[in-house]
Protein backbone atom coordinates (compact mmCIF):
# COMPACT_ATOMS: atom_id res chain seq x y z
CA MET A 1 12.91 2.10 19.85
CA GLU A 2 16.70 1.77 19.89
CA SER A 3 16.47 -1.63 18.19
CA PHE A 4 14.38 -0.27 15.28
CA SER A 5 15.37 1.51 12.08
CA ASN A 6 13.18 3.91 10.20
CA SER A 7 12.58 4.69 6.52
CA ARG A 8 10.25 6.80 4.45
CA VAL A 9 9.06 7.48 0.89
CA TYR A 10 9.13 11.09 -0.31
CA LEU A 11 8.27 13.05 -3.44
CA LYS A 12 11.52 13.45 -5.36
CA SER A 13 10.16 15.21 -8.45
CA ARG A 14 6.86 16.03 -10.14
CA PRO A 15 5.82 14.23 -13.32
CA GLY A 16 4.09 17.31 -14.72
CA ALA A 17 0.33 17.65 -14.88
CA ASP A 18 0.12 16.06 -18.35
CA HIS A 19 2.48 13.12 -17.82
CA GLU A 20 2.29 9.69 -16.27
CA PRO A 21 4.12 9.26 -12.95
CA SER A 22 7.39 7.30 -12.97
CA MET A 23 9.67 5.66 -10.45
CA GLU A 24 12.00 8.67 -10.70
CA ASN A 25 9.33 10.79 -9.00
CA PHE A 26 9.66 8.81 -5.75
CA GLY A 27 12.54 8.55 -3.30
CA HIS A 28 13.05 5.98 -0.53
CA GLU A 29 15.55 6.56 2.26
CA THR A 30 16.42 5.81 5.86
CA CYS A 31 15.45 8.53 8.31
CA PRO A 32 15.62 9.25 12.05
CA LEU A 33 13.29 7.53 14.47
CA PRO A 34 10.58 9.76 15.94
CA PRO A 35 11.46 11.78 19.07
CA ALA A 36 10.26 11.10 22.59
CA LEU A 37 6.51 11.36 23.01
CA SER A 38 4.68 14.35 24.40
CA SER A 39 1.41 14.13 26.29
CA GLY A 40 -1.51 13.14 24.03
CA GLU A 41 0.74 11.49 21.44
CA VAL A 42 1.29 7.91 20.29
CA THR A 43 4.08 6.27 18.33
CA ILE A 44 2.78 4.26 15.39
CA LYS A 45 4.47 1.43 13.54
CA THR A 46 2.96 1.36 10.06
CA LEU A 47 1.75 -2.07 8.94
CA TYR A 48 -0.05 -1.36 5.65
CA ILE A 49 -0.54 1.71 3.47
CA SER A 50 -3.24 2.24 0.89
CA ILE A 51 -2.39 2.89 -2.78
CA ASP A 52 -5.08 4.96 -4.52
CA PRO A 53 -5.46 6.60 -7.98
CA ALA A 54 -6.96 9.70 -6.36
CA MET A 55 -3.51 10.56 -5.01
CA ARG A 56 -2.27 11.41 -8.52
CA CYS A 57 -3.40 15.04 -8.26
CA ARG A 58 -1.21 15.50 -5.18
CA MET A 59 1.87 15.07 -7.37
CA ASN A 60 1.06 18.34 -9.16
CA ASP A 61 1.81 21.88 -7.98
CA GLU A 62 -1.91 22.24 -7.28
CA THR A 63 -4.43 19.44 -6.71
CA GLY A 64 -7.40 21.19 -8.32
CA VAL A 65 -9.62 20.23 -5.36
CA ASP A 66 -10.20 21.89 -2.01
CA TYR A 67 -10.09 18.88 0.32
CA ILE A 68 -6.49 17.66 -0.17
CA ASN A 69 -3.22 19.52 -0.63
CA ALA A 70 -0.36 18.96 -3.05
CA TRP A 71 2.67 17.00 -1.83
CA GLN A 72 5.78 19.11 -1.38
CA LEU A 73 9.12 18.09 -2.86
CA GLY A 74 11.30 16.32 -0.31
CA GLU A 75 8.49 15.81 2.18
CA THR A 76 7.19 12.42 3.27
CA ILE A 77 4.26 11.36 1.11
CA GLN A 78 0.89 11.23 2.82
CA GLY A 79 -1.55 8.72 1.39
CA LEU A 80 -5.27 8.27 1.80
CA GLY A 81 -5.14 5.58 4.45
CA GLY A 82 -3.07 3.25 6.54
CA VAL A 83 -3.09 0.73 9.34
CA GLY A 84 -0.56 0.60 12.14
CA GLU A 85 0.24 -0.64 15.62
CA VAL A 86 0.69 1.54 18.69
CA ILE A 87 4.12 0.77 20.11
CA GLU A 88 4.15 3.56 22.70
CA SER A 89 1.40 5.78 24.07
CA LYS A 90 0.99 8.88 26.19
CA ASP A 91 -2.76 8.97 25.72
CA THR A 92 -5.04 6.96 28.00
CA ALA A 93 -7.40 6.15 25.10
CA PHE A 94 -4.72 4.10 23.32
CA SER A 95 -2.52 1.30 24.63
CA LYS A 96 0.60 -0.39 23.39
CA GLY A 97 -0.42 -3.13 20.96
CA ASP A 98 -3.61 -1.44 19.76
CA GLN A 99 -4.08 -1.53 16.00
CA VAL A 100 -5.33 1.73 14.52
CA GLN A 101 -6.41 3.02 11.15
CA GLY A 102 -6.47 6.46 9.56
CA VAL A 103 -8.60 7.36 6.56
CA MET A 104 -6.67 10.43 5.37
CA ASN A 105 -3.07 11.69 5.42
CA TRP A 106 -1.30 8.52 6.57
CA PRO A 107 2.45 9.11 6.07
CA TRP A 108 4.53 6.70 4.00
CA ILE A 109 6.97 6.12 6.84
CA LYS A 110 7.61 3.10 9.04
CA PHE A 111 7.53 4.84 12.46
CA PHE A 112 5.98 8.18 13.35
CA ASN A 113 4.44 10.13 16.21
CA THR A 114 1.03 11.70 16.00
CA LYS A 115 -1.38 13.50 18.30
CA THR A 116 -4.47 11.40 18.84
CA ASP A 117 -6.72 14.43 18.31
CA ASP A 118 -5.04 15.45 15.03
CA LYS A 119 -7.92 16.34 12.68
CA LEU A 120 -5.71 15.70 9.63
CA LEU A 121 -5.11 12.09 10.72
CA PRO A 122 -7.98 10.98 12.96
CA LEU A 123 -7.23 7.56 14.44
CA THR A 124 -9.75 4.82 15.17
CA LYS A 125 -9.05 1.44 16.73
CA VAL A 126 -9.23 -1.64 14.54
CA ASP A 127 -11.70 -4.22 15.81
CA ALA A 128 -9.88 -6.92 17.76
CA ALA A 129 -11.52 -9.57 15.57
CA LEU A 130 -9.52 -8.23 12.60
CA LYS A 131 -6.14 -8.20 14.33
CA SER A 132 -4.84 -11.11 12.23
CA ASN A 133 -6.12 -9.49 9.03
CA PRO A 134 -5.75 -5.71 9.58
CA GLN A 135 -5.38 -4.82 5.89
CA VAL A 136 -9.10 -5.53 5.34
CA VAL A 137 -9.87 -2.17 6.95
CA LEU A 138 -8.17 -0.55 3.93
CA SER A 139 -9.75 -2.77 1.32
CA LEU A 140 -13.28 -2.76 2.76
CA PHE A 141 -13.85 -0.97 6.08
CA GLY A 142 -12.27 2.34 5.11
CA VAL A 143 -12.68 4.94 2.38
CA THR A 144 -12.59 2.32 -0.41
CA GLY A 145 -15.47 0.23 0.86
CA LEU A 146 -17.49 3.25 1.92
CA THR A 147 -17.00 4.93 -1.46
CA SER A 148 -18.26 1.81 -3.21
CA TYR A 149 -21.20 1.22 -0.89
CA LEU A 150 -22.40 4.79 -0.47
CA GLY A 151 -21.77 5.60 -4.12
CA VAL A 152 -24.04 2.78 -5.29
CA LYS A 153 -26.58 3.33 -2.51
CA GLU A 154 -26.87 7.12 -2.84
CA ARG A 155 -26.44 7.56 -6.59
CA GLY A 156 -27.36 4.26 -8.26
CA ASN A 157 -31.09 4.11 -7.45
CA LEU A 158 -31.04 0.32 -7.63
CA SER A 159 -34.00 -1.67 -6.32
CA PRO A 160 -34.82 -5.39 -6.30
CA GLY A 161 -37.37 -6.52 -8.87
CA LYS A 162 -36.87 -3.65 -11.33
CA ASN A 163 -34.81 -5.64 -13.84
CA GLN A 164 -32.04 -3.02 -13.81
CA THR A 165 -28.70 -3.34 -15.59
CA PHE A 166 -25.67 -1.97 -13.75
CA VAL A 167 -22.35 -1.35 -15.53
CA VAL A 168 -19.03 -0.79 -13.75
CA SER A 169 -15.87 0.49 -15.45
CA GLY A 170 -12.51 -0.06 -13.82
CA ALA A 171 -14.26 -3.15 -12.48
CA ALA A 172 -11.05 -4.93 -11.49
CA GLY A 173 -9.96 -2.05 -9.26
CA ALA A 174 -10.46 -1.52 -5.55
CA CYS A 175 -13.79 0.33 -5.79
CA GLY A 176 -14.97 -1.23 -9.02
CA ASN A 177 -14.98 -4.85 -7.91
CA LEU A 178 -16.80 -3.95 -4.69
CA ALA A 179 -19.30 -1.72 -6.52
CA GLY A 180 -20.29 -4.58 -8.81
CA GLN A 181 -20.85 -6.94 -5.91
CA ILE A 182 -22.71 -4.30 -3.91
CA GLY A 183 -24.89 -3.50 -6.93
CA LYS A 184 -26.06 -7.10 -6.92
CA LEU A 185 -26.72 -7.01 -3.18
CA LEU A 186 -28.76 -3.82 -3.55
CA GLY A 187 -30.98 -5.24 -6.26
CA ALA A 188 -29.38 -4.99 -9.72
CA HIS A 189 -30.67 -7.73 -11.99
CA ARG A 190 -27.60 -7.73 -14.22
CA VAL A 191 -24.08 -6.50 -13.47
CA VAL A 192 -21.56 -5.95 -16.27
CA GLY A 193 -17.91 -5.21 -15.58
CA ILE A 194 -15.42 -3.48 -17.88
CA CYS A 195 -11.69 -4.03 -17.41
CA GLY A 196 -8.47 -4.44 -19.35
CA SER A 197 -7.61 -8.14 -19.59
CA ASP A 198 -9.23 -11.52 -20.16
CA SER A 199 -7.90 -12.83 -16.84
CA LYS A 200 -9.51 -9.97 -14.95
CA CYS A 201 -12.79 -10.50 -16.81
CA SER A 202 -12.71 -14.18 -15.85
CA PHE A 203 -12.07 -13.36 -12.20
CA LEU A 204 -15.02 -10.97 -12.08
CA THR A 205 -17.45 -13.52 -13.46
CA THR A 206 -16.16 -16.69 -11.79
CA GLN A 207 -15.21 -15.31 -8.38
CA LEU A 208 -17.15 -12.10 -7.73
CA GLY A 209 -20.59 -12.75 -9.18
CA PHE A 210 -20.56 -10.36 -12.15
CA ASP A 211 -22.94 -11.62 -14.83
CA THR A 212 -20.49 -10.79 -17.59
CA ALA A 213 -17.39 -8.71 -18.24
CA LEU A 214 -15.78 -7.22 -21.32
CA ASN A 215 -12.17 -6.43 -22.17
CA TYR A 216 -12.12 -2.91 -23.55
CA LYS A 217 -8.59 -3.37 -24.90
CA THR A 218 -9.39 -6.28 -27.22
CA GLU A 219 -13.16 -6.20 -27.74
CA ASN A 220 -15.46 -3.83 -29.59
CA SER A 221 -16.86 -2.11 -26.52
CA PRO A 222 -19.95 -0.49 -28.12
CA GLN A 223 -20.97 -3.77 -29.73
CA ARG A 224 -20.30 -5.83 -26.59
CA LEU A 225 -22.29 -3.39 -24.48
CA LYS A 226 -25.26 -3.83 -26.82
CA GLU A 227 -24.92 -7.60 -26.53
CA THR A 228 -24.52 -7.67 -22.76
CA CYS A 229 -27.04 -4.90 -21.98
CA PRO A 230 -29.87 -5.64 -24.45
CA GLU A 231 -32.37 -3.56 -22.46
CA GLY A 232 -30.03 -0.60 -22.03
CA ILE A 233 -28.14 0.57 -18.96
CA ASP A 234 -29.87 1.87 -15.84
CA ALA A 235 -26.89 2.74 -13.64
CA TYR A 236 -23.19 3.23 -14.37
CA PHE A 237 -20.38 3.30 -11.80
CA ASP A 238 -17.83 5.42 -13.65
CA ASN A 239 -14.23 4.90 -12.54
CA VAL A 240 -12.49 5.88 -15.77
CA GLY A 241 -14.14 8.64 -17.80
CA GLY A 242 -12.86 9.31 -21.30
CA THR A 243 -14.03 7.64 -24.51
CA LEU A 244 -15.03 4.43 -22.78
CA SER A 245 -17.49 6.20 -20.52
CA GLU A 246 -18.94 8.03 -23.51
CA GLU A 247 -19.71 4.67 -25.11
CA VAL A 248 -21.53 3.60 -21.95
CA ILE A 249 -23.52 6.82 -21.68
CA LYS A 250 -24.69 6.46 -25.29
CA GLN A 251 -26.48 3.26 -24.28
CA MET A 252 -28.02 4.49 -21.04
CA ASN A 253 -31.76 4.55 -20.56
CA GLU A 254 -34.15 7.40 -19.85
CA GLY A 255 -33.89 8.44 -16.21
CA SER A 256 -30.72 6.44 -15.59
CA HIS A 257 -27.86 7.34 -13.26
CA VAL A 258 -24.10 7.85 -13.56
CA ILE A 259 -22.16 7.40 -10.31
CA LEU A 260 -19.17 9.63 -10.97
CA CYS A 261 -16.56 7.99 -8.75
CA GLY A 262 -13.26 8.44 -10.62
CA GLN A 263 -11.80 9.52 -13.95
CA ILE A 264 -8.51 7.64 -14.17
CA ALA A 265 -8.38 8.11 -17.95
CA VAL A 266 -7.60 11.79 -17.40
CA TYR A 267 -5.70 11.76 -14.11
CA ASN A 268 -2.47 12.31 -16.04
CA LYS A 269 -3.92 15.25 -17.99
CA ASP A 270 -4.17 18.87 -16.92
CA VAL A 271 -7.96 19.20 -16.94
CA PRO A 272 -10.48 20.17 -14.24
CA TYR A 273 -12.20 17.50 -12.18
CA PRO A 274 -14.71 16.34 -13.14
CA PRO A 275 -13.37 16.81 -16.67
CA PRO A 276 -15.58 18.52 -19.24
CA ILE A 277 -17.61 16.32 -21.57
CA SER A 278 -18.48 16.83 -25.20
CA GLN A 279 -21.59 18.63 -26.37
CA GLN A 280 -22.89 15.32 -27.73
CA MET A 281 -22.66 13.77 -24.26
CA GLN A 282 -24.25 16.81 -22.66
CA ASP A 283 -27.16 16.56 -25.10
CA ILE A 284 -27.67 12.84 -24.42
CA ILE A 285 -27.59 13.39 -20.66
CA SER A 286 -30.07 16.27 -20.93
CA ASP A 287 -32.42 14.61 -23.43
CA ARG A 288 -32.62 11.36 -21.47
CA ASN A 289 -32.73 13.01 -18.04
CA ILE A 290 -29.62 11.11 -16.92
CA THR A 291 -28.22 12.18 -13.56
CA ARG A 292 -24.43 12.61 -13.54
CA GLU A 293 -23.24 14.16 -10.31
CA ARG A 294 -19.78 14.05 -8.80
CA PHE A 295 -19.66 11.67 -5.85
CA LEU A 296 -17.37 12.49 -2.92
CA VAL A 297 -17.65 10.07 0.00
CA LEU A 298 -16.51 12.73 2.51
CA HIS A 299 -19.88 14.43 2.00
CA PHE A 300 -21.57 11.40 3.61
CA GLN A 301 -19.61 11.07 6.84
CA ASP A 302 -22.83 10.87 8.85
CA GLN A 303 -23.45 7.48 7.19
CA PHE A 304 -19.97 6.01 7.76
CA GLY A 305 -20.91 4.13 10.94
CA ASP A 306 -23.99 2.45 9.50
CA GLY A 307 -22.18 1.80 6.23
CA ILE A 308 -19.33 -0.04 7.93
CA LYS A 309 -21.82 -2.15 9.91
CA ILE A 310 -23.53 -3.26 6.69
CA LEU A 311 -20.19 -4.00 4.99
CA GLN A 312 -19.10 -6.02 8.02
CA GLU A 313 -22.33 -8.02 7.97
CA TRP A 314 -21.95 -8.83 4.27
CA TYR A 315 -18.29 -9.73 4.74
CA ILE A 316 -18.87 -11.98 7.77
CA ASN A 317 -21.73 -13.76 6.01
CA GLY A 318 -19.66 -14.39 2.89
CA LYS A 319 -21.78 -12.16 0.67
CA LEU A 320 -18.91 -9.84 -0.19
CA LYS A 321 -15.47 -10.97 -1.32
CA VAL A 322 -12.49 -8.67 -0.95
CA PRO A 323 -9.61 -9.35 -3.36
CA GLU A 324 -6.36 -7.66 -2.41
CA TYR A 325 -3.13 -6.93 -4.27
CA ILE A 326 -0.37 -6.55 -1.69
CA HIS A 327 3.12 -5.27 -2.53
CA GLU A 328 5.87 -6.19 -0.10
CA GLY A 329 8.08 -3.54 1.50
CA LEU A 330 7.83 0.23 1.88
CA GLY A 331 10.52 0.69 -0.76
CA HIS A 332 8.08 -0.66 -3.36
CA ALA A 333 5.35 1.89 -2.62
CA GLY A 334 6.35 4.19 -5.47
CA GLU A 335 6.52 1.26 -7.88
CA ALA A 336 3.09 0.07 -6.75
CA PHE A 337 1.61 3.51 -7.42
CA VAL A 338 3.24 3.78 -10.86
CA ASN A 339 2.07 0.29 -11.82
CA MET A 340 -1.49 1.15 -10.82
CA MET A 341 -1.52 4.40 -12.80
CA THR A 342 0.12 2.97 -15.94
CA SER A 343 -1.25 -0.63 -15.88
CA VAL A 344 2.31 -1.99 -15.88
CA LYS A 345 2.72 -5.55 -14.55
CA GLN A 346 -0.78 -5.49 -13.16
CA GLU A 347 -2.96 -8.52 -13.68
CA LYS A 348 -4.46 -8.91 -10.24
CA VAL A 349 -7.88 -7.73 -9.12
CA GLY A 350 -8.68 -5.68 -6.05
CA LYS A 351 -7.37 -3.15 -3.60
CA GLN A 352 -3.69 -2.29 -3.89
CA MET A 353 -1.67 -1.72 -0.75
CA VAL A 354 1.82 -2.13 0.61
CA ASN A 355 2.85 -4.38 3.48
CA VAL A 356 5.31 -2.03 5.16
CA ASP A 357 6.30 -4.52 7.82
CA SER A 358 7.59 -7.17 5.38
């Protein structure tokens, strides 16, 4: 360890519950290397960290949810996932050179010690076949892929041969692009993506198998939805909320389903999650018997093993593509998060993460 240097990213200030995050909220600094290991511990060298919109609530004094805590000022940020390499071990279950992943509470630090039985950061070994491409466990074989797969499977009610139309908002994002592809694999007849640029729309249709895509920033969304979904909408993977989702819901069919995955349109506003909807939307949902239930992947942990097996099969057989947007260097983690939350300098499609080891 003497030949290594360590650094971390910490929360420098809070943006305020009603404001967008900025670079000034994040600090990056050198820090001491971890101490000597105790029994049952391993030293991890972080390779990749996951960048996720759901972390926005952790920048506030209170998260508003009961399953994750707010970040404390000055403390190392803990993200939703990471991949690392064991460089020293005092646990017989892990050896030097093993690659490991953690789904929750991975610290934004280059080197750290952790107990292998820590329930806040449970470690699992990365399959040896993925050793040359470890970041795919964040983009597909972790919480992102499982959220997309189980969200569509459990809430979408898609079946082959039913001529169903499936709409995905935030379709260029980590979950959105996978949800659209998975919707096709699970039987949707037509998949329509909604995103914020022509280049992203083109990528969805030419590379990922979406039937069509619309640019909500430049096109008349209600009119384009009518054109692209002439028989109405049967399932909606909602990543954004807000006015855009209201326009989708207005065109949903009797007995259709909203998969309430994320609400990025209101992540920078001080409102409950899920945010309240207008009386007009409530009436439409009630009158048409539309299901709209919050989806939290942690409620389906008993299906994680089978879900990952199915995702692996699709990936190996080339049925599922996994676009990735990788930022280089731990010092750019804050910038990556801000860009994601504010759509600054972001034209790429897919899962955002940081290559810490670059």
